[in-house]
Each structure stands twice: as C-alpha cells, then as structure tokens.
Amino acid sequence: MPPRSKSFPRLADPSSLVAIYKCLCDLNRLRILHLLREGPLCVCHLQETLGIGPTRTSQQLAFLRKHGMVEVRVCGQWRVYALPEKPGAALSANLACLQDCVTSYPQFAADRAKLAKVRKSICGPEL
C-alpha cells in the first residue's frame, strides 16, 4: 500500500468526507467554492459572475451551508457567504486540493476575472 499523503488528515468519521465530496461533485458548487477563496461574497456577486439565476444560486449555497462548506451572515438586505472561519482538517485539505486542481482550467480563471469586474459594477455590501 502506498504511503498516505502527509497533507491529508486521518479521519475518525468518514461521513464528514462523504459530505465534502457531495458538495464537490457539482460544477456550480465548485465554482462557488473557488470564488469564495477570494473572500466573502454577496449572492448577487455570485449570480452575476456565474451566470446562473437567483433560485439556482440560492439552492447551491443552501446545499453548501447544510454540509458546513460555507457560512452566511446578514449585512443589511444582503446575505454574504464565506468559507468557514475554522474549517475542519478534512475541509481545509480538500479546499487546498480544489485550489491546486482548478488552476489549469480556463473556466475558473475566467470566473475570477469576471468577479473582479462584477465587484466594481454591482451594488452590494462593502466586503
């Protein structure tokens, strides 16, 4: 058996890993998590950047929140989403892996470039 990667933690309960992988098996959720690595974002910023409607965006964010992948805070009339302040070891390792894996895909680079423009053009809370 090959040695385990030193960067990936040993899990007492594999159900947390199953929840993480459920979140990572959808392209829009991957794109959301990748964008949230840039910092907290309002729903309107995610919608505009990803080009998906408000219902679909909210469904994806609710799924991520249910599984502990994102946190939400209310800022006036806006809901601002962010990666957890204190993610568990498994989540941290998988988010780092996600970041490493997506850098070679043009869609993810395009999302980051579009987000930079969207942040300047859309009203929303100061983040």
Foldseek 3Di string as FASTA:
>chain_A
DDDDDPLADDDPDCVLVVLVVVLVPDPLSLLVLLLLVVPKDWLVLSCQLVVDDSVVSVVSVVSCVVSQQWDWDDDPPTIIIHGDPDDDSNSVSVSVVSNVVCPPPPSSVSSNVVSVVSVVPDDDDDD
